[in-house]
Amino acid sequence: MTQYGILLSFTLYPAIGSLIVAAIMHWYQLDDRTVEKIRRQLNVQQHESSSHDRECSQ
């Protein structure tokens, strides 16, 4: 019984998880507008993080 559980843990569960992720990725379409929005948000976060790091090191 233990070997069966280990087998499921290493094969079936990851396969099910991969199918779920594939379905989510199929419905979550990235267009140019969304990519640019994400890029702007990351740039703002990076700027805030570097400003915070400089303040903490002083």
C-alpha atoms as a PDB file:
ATOM      1  CA  MET A   1       0.000   0.000   0.000  1.00  0.00           C
ATOM      2  CA  THR A   2       2.851   2.365   0.831  1.00  0.00           C
ATOM      3  CA  GLN A   3       4.476   1.781  -2.551  1.00  0.00           C
ATOM      4  CA  TYR A   4       1.187   2.589  -4.259  1.00  0.00           C
ATOM      5  CA  GLY A   5       0.957   5.891  -2.388  1.00  0.00           C
ATOM      6  CA  ILE A   6       4.521   6.768  -3.307  1.00  0.00           C
ATOM      7  CA  LEU A   7       3.817   5.915  -6.932  1.00  0.00           C
ATOM      8  CA  LEU A   8       0.773   8.212  -6.929  1.00  0.00           C
ATOM      9  CA  SER A   9       2.759  10.983  -5.279  1.00  0.00           C
ATOM     10  CA  PHE A  10       5.439  10.863  -7.971  1.00  0.00           C
ATOM     11  CA  THR A  11       3.277  10.256 -11.051  1.00  0.00           C
ATOM     12  CA  LEU A  12      -0.449  10.843 -10.871  1.00  0.00           C
ATOM     13  CA  TYR A  13      -0.580  13.913  -8.617  1.00  0.00           C
ATOM     14  CA  PRO A  14       2.015  15.900 -10.596  1.00  0.00           C
ATOM     15  CA  ALA A  15       0.258  14.917 -13.837  1.00  0.00           C
ATOM     16  CA  ILE A  16      -3.074  16.200 -12.515  1.00  0.00           C
ATOM     17  CA  GLY A  17      -1.395  19.398 -11.329  1.00  0.00           C
ATOM     18  CA  SER A  18       0.209  19.896 -14.730  1.00  0.00           C
ATOM     19  CA  LEU A  19      -3.152  19.533 -16.462  1.00  0.00           C
ATOM     20  CA  ILE A  20      -4.693  22.111 -14.138  1.00  0.00           C
ATOM     21  CA  VAL A  21      -1.842  24.551 -14.803  1.00  0.00           C
ATOM     22  CA  ALA A  22      -2.113  23.957 -18.556  1.00  0.00           C
ATOM     23  CA  ALA A  23      -5.837  24.752 -18.441  1.00  0.00           C
ATOM     24  CA  ILE A  24      -5.198  27.962 -16.492  1.00  0.00           C
ATOM     25  CA  MET A  25      -2.467  29.014 -18.914  1.00  0.00           C
ATOM     26  CA  HIS A  26      -4.786  28.329 -21.845  1.00  0.00           C
ATOM     27  CA  TRP A  27      -7.418  30.728 -20.536  1.00  0.00           C
ATOM     28  CA  TYR A  28      -4.988  33.386 -19.289  1.00  0.00           C
ATOM     29  CA  GLN A  29      -3.999  35.047 -22.527  1.00  0.00           C
ATOM     30  CA  LEU A  30      -1.158  37.552 -22.422  1.00  0.00           C
ATOM     31  CA  ASP A  31      -1.556  40.327 -24.946  1.00  0.00           C
ATOM     32  CA  ASP A  32       0.843  43.221 -25.521  1.00  0.00           C
ATOM     33  CA  ARG A  33      -1.195  45.547 -23.319  1.00  0.00           C
ATOM     34  CA  THR A  34      -1.088  43.155 -20.346  1.00  0.00           C
ATOM     35  CA  VAL A  35       2.639  42.501 -20.790  1.00  0.00           C
ATOM     36  CA  GLU A  36       3.357  46.245 -20.823  1.00  0.00           C
ATOM     37  CA  LYS A  37       1.263  46.743 -17.673  1.00  0.00           C
ATOM     38  CA  ILE A  38       3.196  43.991 -15.877  1.00  0.00           C
ATOM     39  CA  ARG A  39       6.500  45.458 -17.078  1.00  0.00           C
ATOM     40  CA  ARG A  40       5.586  48.915 -15.704  1.00  0.00           C
ATOM     41  CA  GLN A  41       4.575  47.436 -12.343  1.00  0.00           C
ATOM     42  CA  LEU A  42       7.838  45.503 -12.094  1.00  0.00           C
ATOM     43  CA  ASN A  43       9.853  48.619 -12.937  1.00  0.00           C
ATOM     44  CA  VAL A  44       8.059  50.579 -10.190  1.00  0.00           C
ATOM     45  CA  GLN A  45       8.651  47.778  -7.675  1.00  0.00           C
ATOM     46  CA  GLN A  46      12.312  47.547  -8.656  1.00  0.00           C
ATOM     47  CA  HIS A  47      12.727  51.303  -8.255  1.00  0.00           C
ATOM     48  CA  GLU A  48      11.021  51.266  -4.851  1.00  0.00           C
ATOM     49  CA  SER A  49      13.119  48.313  -3.731  1.00  0.00           C
ATOM     50  CA  SER A  50      16.400  49.925  -4.750  1.00  0.00           C
ATOM     51  CA  SER A  51      15.381  53.179  -3.026  1.00  0.00           C
ATOM     52  CA  HIS A  52      14.517  51.248   0.143  1.00  0.00           C
ATOM     53  CA  ASP A  53      17.828  49.380   0.029  1.00  0.00           C
ATOM     54  CA  ARG A  54      19.775  52.634  -0.213  1.00  0.00           C
ATOM     55  CA  GLU A  55      17.863  54.122   2.746  1.00  0.00           C
ATOM     56  CA  CYS A  56      18.484  51.058   4.917  1.00  0.00           C
ATOM     57  CA  SER A  57      22.227  51.009   4.206  1.00  0.00           C
ATOM     58  CA  GLN A  58      22.741  54.576   5.359  1.00  0.00           C
END
